[in-house]
Amino acid sequence: MIALAYYRNAVTLVLTLLLIACEPQANKKTAMQAIDLMQWKKLTSENHDQVMLVDIWASWCISCIERFPAMVELSHRYRDVVRFVSLNVDHTEDARALRWANEFLHKQQAYFEHYHLTNPMMQSFDALQLIGIPAVLLIDTNGQEYARLTGDNPNQQFTDADIEEQIQQLLKQGIK
C-alpha cells in the first residue's frame, strides 16, 4: 500500500516536472523578440531563401486581432515557401499590452517569428511608412517590398483572399 502511494506520488511529480519543463519551450516559440528599427531593416533587407510575409499589428487594433487567426492558417498553408513574421508596434512602456500580446500569440499557436519594435510608435510608423494598421508587407527574396496591404482606409479593407492572391503572384514570379 505504501509502495503504491509512493509510486503514484513519483509519477505525479515526474509528470508535473515534465509539464513545467515544456511550458517555457511553448512560450518561447510564440514570444516576441525586442528589435529596433535598425535591426528590423537589416532583418528584412537581407537576402532570404524564402519570400517573407510581415503582419504589422498592435494589441489595441481590433482589426489586427480579428484577422490574426487567418494569418496563422496562411502560415500553415505556406510554411514551406513563405517566412511568416509578425511585427508588434505596441508602446514599449505598456508592459500590460506587451504581456497580453505575448499571451495572445501563444493562445493562437502562432509558431512563427514575432518581433516587437522598441522605438516609439510614431517613429516606427514613420520609418515603416504606415498611416494605419493592420498592414501586411510581402517581401521578395532580394529583400524588396513586393506588396503592401494596409487597413488605413476603413471603407476599403483588404481581405485574406487579397493576401493569398499577392502570395501566389509573387511565388509564380519566382523572384530570386
C-alpha atoms as a PDB file:
ATOM      1  CA  MET A   1       0.000   0.000   0.000  1.00  0.00           C
ATOM      2  CA  ILE A   2       2.818   2.386   0.881  1.00  0.00           C
ATOM      3  CA  ALA A   3       4.669   1.401  -2.303  1.00  0.00           C
ATOM      4  CA  LEU A   4       1.578   2.165  -4.397  1.00  0.00           C
ATOM      5  CA  ALA A   5       1.172   5.612  -2.807  1.00  0.00           C
ATOM      6  CA  TYR A   6       4.891   6.284  -3.306  1.00  0.00           C
ATOM      7  CA  TYR A   7       4.659   5.191  -6.957  1.00  0.00           C
ATOM      8  CA  ARG A   8       1.605   7.396  -7.552  1.00  0.00           C
ATOM      9  CA  ASN A   9       3.362  10.405  -5.993  1.00  0.00           C
ATOM     10  CA  ALA A  10       6.501   9.748  -8.027  1.00  0.00           C
ATOM     11  CA  VAL A  11       4.534   9.540 -11.281  1.00  0.00           C
ATOM     12  CA  THR A  12       2.648  12.736 -10.417  1.00  0.00           C
ATOM     13  CA  LEU A  13       5.918  14.509  -9.640  1.00  0.00           C
ATOM     14  CA  VAL A  14       7.546  13.374 -12.887  1.00  0.00           C
ATOM     15  CA  LEU A  15       4.522  14.429 -14.967  1.00  0.00           C
ATOM     16  CA  THR A  16       4.386  17.810 -13.221  1.00  0.00           C
ATOM     17  CA  LEU A  17       8.090  18.389 -13.838  1.00  0.00           C
ATOM     18  CA  LEU A  18       7.671  17.456 -17.494  1.00  0.00           C
ATOM     19  CA  LEU A  19       4.810  19.922 -17.877  1.00  0.00           C
ATOM     20  CA  ILE A  20       6.817  22.672 -16.204  1.00  0.00           C
ATOM     21  CA  ALA A  21       9.832  21.916 -18.369  1.00  0.00           C
ATOM     22  CA  CYS A  22       7.743  22.048 -21.548  1.00  0.00           C
ATOM     23  CA  GLU A  23       5.921  25.286 -20.751  1.00  0.00           C
ATOM     24  CA  PRO A  24       8.817  27.702 -21.343  1.00  0.00           C
ATOM     25  CA  GLN A  25       9.509  25.975 -24.672  1.00  0.00           C
ATOM     26  CA  ALA A  26       5.951  26.545 -25.826  1.00  0.00           C
ATOM     27  CA  ASN A  27       6.025  30.194 -24.761  1.00  0.00           C
ATOM     28  CA  LYS A  28       9.421  30.665 -26.348  1.00  0.00           C
ATOM     29  CA  LYS A  29       8.076  29.584 -29.744  1.00  0.00           C
ATOM     30  CA  THR A  30       5.494  32.361 -29.702  1.00  0.00           C
ATOM     31  CA  ALA A  31       7.218  35.046 -27.606  1.00  0.00           C
ATOM     32  CA  MET A  32       8.035  38.365 -29.225  1.00  0.00           C
ATOM     33  CA  GLN A  33      11.668  39.389 -29.502  1.00  0.00           C
ATOM     34  CA  ALA A  34      12.510  43.049 -28.949  1.00  0.00           C
ATOM     35  CA  ILE A  35      14.022  44.672 -32.023  1.00  0.00           C
ATOM     36  CA  ASP A  36      14.746  48.264 -33.030  1.00  0.00           C
ATOM     37  CA  LEU A  37      14.267  49.844 -36.445  1.00  0.00           C
ATOM     38  CA  MET A  38      17.903  49.376 -37.485  1.00  0.00           C
ATOM     39  CA  GLN A  39      17.773  45.661 -36.631  1.00  0.00           C
ATOM     40  CA  TRP A  40      14.408  45.387 -38.402  1.00  0.00           C
ATOM     41  CA  LYS A  41      15.779  46.973 -41.562  1.00  0.00           C
ATOM     42  CA  LYS A  42      18.705  44.540 -41.543  1.00  0.00           C
ATOM     43  CA  LEU A  43      16.393  41.564 -40.944  1.00  0.00           C
ATOM     44  CA  THR A  44      14.111  42.435 -43.858  1.00  0.00           C
ATOM     45  CA  SER A  45      16.761  43.578 -46.327  1.00  0.00           C
ATOM     46  CA  GLU A  46      18.985  40.514 -46.149  1.00  0.00           C
ATOM     47  CA  ASN A  47      18.743  38.029 -48.978  1.00  0.00           C
ATOM     48  CA  HIS A  48      16.471  35.163 -47.976  1.00  0.00           C
ATOM     49  CA  ASP A  49      15.724  31.710 -49.274  1.00  0.00           C
ATOM     50  CA  GLN A  50      12.016  32.406 -48.888  1.00  0.00           C
ATOM     51  CA  VAL A  51       9.515  35.142 -49.531  1.00  0.00           C
ATOM     52  CA  MET A  52       8.709  36.981 -46.274  1.00  0.00           C
ATOM     53  CA  LEU A  53       5.220  37.986 -45.171  1.00  0.00           C
ATOM     54  CA  VAL A  54       5.133  40.599 -42.393  1.00  0.00           C
ATOM     55  CA  ASP A  55       1.955  41.165 -40.389  1.00  0.00           C
ATOM     56  CA  ILE A  56       2.163  44.540 -38.590  1.00  0.00           C
ATOM     57  CA  TRP A  57      -0.209  44.751 -35.632  1.00  0.00           C
ATOM     58  CA  ALA A  58      -0.867  46.011 -32.095  1.00  0.00           C
ATOM     59  CA  SER A  59      -2.924  44.753 -29.178  1.00  0.00           C
ATOM     60  CA  TRP A  60      -5.267  47.769 -29.382  1.00  0.00           C
ATOM     61  CA  CYS A  61      -6.037  47.189 -33.091  1.00  0.00           C
ATOM     62  CA  ILE A  62      -9.296  45.235 -33.213  1.00  0.00           C
ATOM     63  CA  SER A  63      -8.999  44.516 -36.955  1.00  0.00           C
ATOM     64  CA  CYS A  64      -5.489  43.157 -36.374  1.00  0.00           C
ATOM     65  CA  ILE A  65      -6.708  40.799 -33.658  1.00  0.00           C
ATOM     66  CA  GLU A  66      -9.734  39.647 -35.669  1.00  0.00           C
ATOM     67  CA  ARG A  67      -7.713  38.773 -38.762  1.00  0.00           C
ATOM     68  CA  PHE A  68      -4.805  37.114 -36.933  1.00  0.00           C
ATOM     69  CA  PRO A  69      -6.264  33.560 -36.908  1.00  0.00           C
ATOM     70  CA  ALA A  70      -6.377  33.701 -40.717  1.00  0.00           C
ATOM     71  CA  MET A  71      -2.700  34.707 -40.701  1.00  0.00           C
ATOM     72  CA  VAL A  72      -1.905  31.635 -38.604  1.00  0.00           C
ATOM     73  CA  GLU A  73      -3.852  29.493 -41.089  1.00  0.00           C
ATOM     74  CA  LEU A  74      -1.908  31.000 -44.006  1.00  0.00           C
ATOM     75  CA  SER A  75       1.333  30.285 -42.159  1.00  0.00           C
ATOM     76  CA  HIS A  76       0.375  26.600 -42.009  1.00  0.00           C
ATOM     77  CA  ARG A  77      -0.564  26.504 -45.670  1.00  0.00           C
ATOM     78  CA  TYR A  78       2.579  28.238 -46.943  1.00  0.00           C
ATOM     79  CA  ARG A  79       5.127  27.274 -44.271  1.00  0.00           C
ATOM     80  CA  ASP A  80       7.491  25.639 -46.767  1.00  0.00           C
ATOM     81  CA  VAL A  81       7.682  28.602 -49.154  1.00  0.00           C
ATOM     82  CA  VAL A  82       6.903  31.745 -47.120  1.00  0.00           C
ATOM     83  CA  ARG A  83       8.613  33.017 -43.975  1.00  0.00           C
ATOM     84  CA  PHE A  84       5.890  34.448 -41.722  1.00  0.00           C
ATOM     85  CA  VAL A  85       6.793  37.250 -39.319  1.00  0.00           C
ATOM     86  CA  SER A  86       4.611  39.336 -37.038  1.00  0.00           C
ATOM     87  CA  LEU A  87       5.723  42.825 -36.037  1.00  0.00           C
ATOM     88  CA  ASN A  88       4.065  44.347 -32.990  1.00  0.00           C
ATOM     89  CA  VAL A  89       4.055  48.141 -32.623  1.00  0.00           C
ATOM     90  CA  ASP A  90       2.560  48.478 -29.114  1.00  0.00           C
ATOM     91  CA  HIS A  91       4.131  51.103 -26.859  1.00  0.00           C
ATOM     92  CA  THR A  92       7.262  49.615 -25.269  1.00  0.00           C
ATOM     93  CA  GLU A  93       6.344  51.225 -21.928  1.00  0.00           C
ATOM     94  CA  ASP A  94       2.977  49.443 -21.867  1.00  0.00           C
ATOM     95  CA  ALA A  95       4.001  46.247 -20.096  1.00  0.00           C
ATOM     96  CA  ARG A  96       0.389  45.075 -19.809  1.00  0.00           C
ATOM     97  CA  ALA A  97      -0.193  45.350 -23.569  1.00  0.00           C
ATOM     98  CA  LEU A  98       3.042  43.501 -24.320  1.00  0.00           C
ATOM     99  CA  ARG A  99       2.176  40.744 -21.849  1.00  0.00           C
ATOM    100  CA  TRP A 100      -1.300  40.465 -23.406  1.00  0.00           C
ATOM    101  CA  ALA A 101       0.228  40.354 -26.907  1.00  0.00           C
ATOM    102  CA  ASN A 102       2.571  37.511 -25.933  1.00  0.00           C
ATOM    103  CA  GLU A 103      -0.299  35.584 -24.338  1.00  0.00           C
ATOM    104  CA  PHE A 104      -2.421  36.176 -27.446  1.00  0.00           C
ATOM    105  CA  LEU A 105       0.313  34.787 -29.722  1.00  0.00           C
ATOM    106  CA  HIS A 106       0.640  31.724 -27.500  1.00  0.00           C
ATOM    107  CA  LYS A 107      -3.137  31.106 -27.461  1.00  0.00           C
ATOM    108  CA  GLN A 108      -3.256  31.457 -31.245  1.00  0.00           C
ATOM    109  CA  GLN A 109      -0.487  28.839 -31.524  1.00  0.00           C
ATOM    110  CA  ALA A 110       1.284  31.208 -33.882  1.00  0.00           C
ATOM    111  CA  TYR A 111       4.515  29.263 -34.239  1.00  0.00           C
ATOM    112  CA  PHE A 112       6.440  31.650 -36.444  1.00  0.00           C
ATOM    113  CA  GLU A 113       8.700  34.655 -35.823  1.00  0.00           C
ATOM    114  CA  HIS A 114       7.406  37.513 -33.668  1.00  0.00           C
ATOM    115  CA  TYR A 115       9.073  40.852 -33.061  1.00  0.00           C
ATOM    116  CA  HIS A 116       8.206  43.946 -31.077  1.00  0.00           C
ATOM    117  CA  LEU A 117       9.592  47.303 -32.212  1.00  0.00           C
ATOM    118  CA  THR A 118      11.226  49.114 -29.298  1.00  0.00           C
ATOM    119  CA  ASN A 119      11.200  52.516 -30.985  1.00  0.00           C
ATOM    120  CA  PRO A 120       8.389  54.969 -30.173  1.00  0.00           C
ATOM    121  CA  MET A 121       5.256  54.037 -32.089  1.00  0.00           C
ATOM    122  CA  MET A 122       5.077  57.201 -34.225  1.00  0.00           C
ATOM    123  CA  GLN A 123       8.755  56.863 -35.141  1.00  0.00           C
ATOM    124  CA  SER A 124       8.064  53.255 -36.150  1.00  0.00           C
ATOM    125  CA  PHE A 125       5.051  54.284 -38.244  1.00  0.00           C
ATOM    126  CA  ASP A 126       7.122  56.959 -39.995  1.00  0.00           C
ATOM    127  CA  ALA A 127      10.039  54.613 -40.673  1.00  0.00           C
ATOM    128  CA  LEU A 128       7.722  51.895 -41.985  1.00  0.00           C
ATOM    129  CA  GLN A 129       5.734  54.478 -43.977  1.00  0.00           C
ATOM    130  CA  LEU A 130       2.497  53.468 -42.285  1.00  0.00           C
ATOM    131  CA  ILE A 131      -0.627  55.533 -41.867  1.00  0.00           C
ATOM    132  CA  GLY A 132      -2.510  52.807 -40.035  1.00  0.00           C
ATOM    133  CA  ILE A 133      -2.687  49.147 -39.184  1.00  0.00           C
ATOM    134  CA  PRO A 134      -3.331  46.334 -39.816  1.00  0.00           C
ATOM    135  CA  ALA A 135      -0.724  46.180 -42.519  1.00  0.00           C
ATOM    136  CA  VAL A 136       0.767  43.244 -44.372  1.00  0.00           C
ATOM    137  CA  LEU A 137       4.024  43.521 -46.285  1.00  0.00           C
ATOM    138  CA  LEU A 138       5.196  40.926 -48.756  1.00  0.00           C
ATOM    139  CA  ILE A 139       8.971  40.977 -49.247  1.00  0.00           C
ATOM    140  CA  ASP A 140      10.708  39.102 -52.046  1.00  0.00           C
ATOM    141  CA  THR A 141      13.872  37.025 -51.621  1.00  0.00           C
ATOM    142  CA  ASN A 142      16.014  40.057 -52.510  1.00  0.00           C
ATOM    143  CA  GLY A 143      14.632  41.966 -49.523  1.00  0.00           C
ATOM    144  CA  GLN A 144      12.489  44.250 -51.703  1.00  0.00           C
ATOM    145  CA  GLU A 145       8.909  45.087 -50.821  1.00  0.00           C
ATOM    146  CA  TYR A 146       6.666  43.416 -53.384  1.00  0.00           C
ATOM    147  CA  ALA A 147       3.235  44.287 -51.974  1.00  0.00           C
ATOM    148  CA  ARG A 148       1.731  46.359 -49.178  1.00  0.00           C
ATOM    149  CA  LEU A 149      -1.810  45.815 -47.934  1.00  0.00           C
ATOM    150  CA  THR A 150      -2.988  48.330 -45.340  1.00  0.00           C
ATOM    151  CA  GLY A 151      -6.076  48.922 -43.290  1.00  0.00           C
ATOM    152  CA  ASP A 152      -5.759  52.705 -43.262  1.00  0.00           C
ATOM    153  CA  ASN A 153      -8.958  53.195 -45.278  1.00  0.00           C
ATOM    154  CA  PRO A 154     -11.954  51.841 -43.309  1.00  0.00           C
ATOM    155  CA  ASN A 155     -14.049  51.766 -46.492  1.00  0.00           C
ATOM    156  CA  GLN A 156     -11.568  49.631 -48.401  1.00  0.00           C
ATOM    157  CA  GLN A 157     -10.139  46.919 -46.152  1.00  0.00           C
ATOM    158  CA  PHE A 158      -8.000  44.154 -47.584  1.00  0.00           C
ATOM    159  CA  THR A 159      -9.129  40.560 -47.181  1.00  0.00           C
ATOM    160  CA  ASP A 160      -7.420  37.255 -46.529  1.00  0.00           C
ATOM    161  CA  ALA A 161      -8.044  36.438 -50.192  1.00  0.00           C
ATOM    162  CA  ASP A 162      -6.115  39.599 -51.154  1.00  0.00           C
ATOM    163  CA  ILE A 163      -3.149  38.425 -49.081  1.00  0.00           C
ATOM    164  CA  GLU A 164      -3.238  34.963 -50.611  1.00  0.00           C
ATOM    165  CA  GLU A 165      -3.516  36.401 -54.118  1.00  0.00           C
ATOM    166  CA  GLN A 166      -0.383  38.504 -53.551  1.00  0.00           C
ATOM    167  CA  ILE A 167       1.492  35.474 -52.171  1.00  0.00           C
ATOM    168  CA  GLN A 168       0.501  33.406 -55.210  1.00  0.00           C
ATOM    169  CA  GLN A 169       1.536  36.143 -57.649  1.00  0.00           C
ATOM    170  CA  LEU A 170       4.944  36.551 -56.031  1.00  0.00           C
ATOM    171  CA  LEU A 171       5.567  32.810 -55.871  1.00  0.00           C
ATOM    172  CA  LYS A 172       4.637  32.453 -59.562  1.00  0.00           C
ATOM    173  CA  GLN A 173       7.183  35.116 -60.466  1.00  0.00           C
ATOM    174  CA  GLY A 174       9.846  33.176 -58.598  1.00  0.00           C
ATOM    175  CA  ILE A 175      11.848  36.293 -57.737  1.00  0.00           C
ATOM    176  CA  LYS A 176      15.339  35.297 -56.645  1.00  0.00           C
END
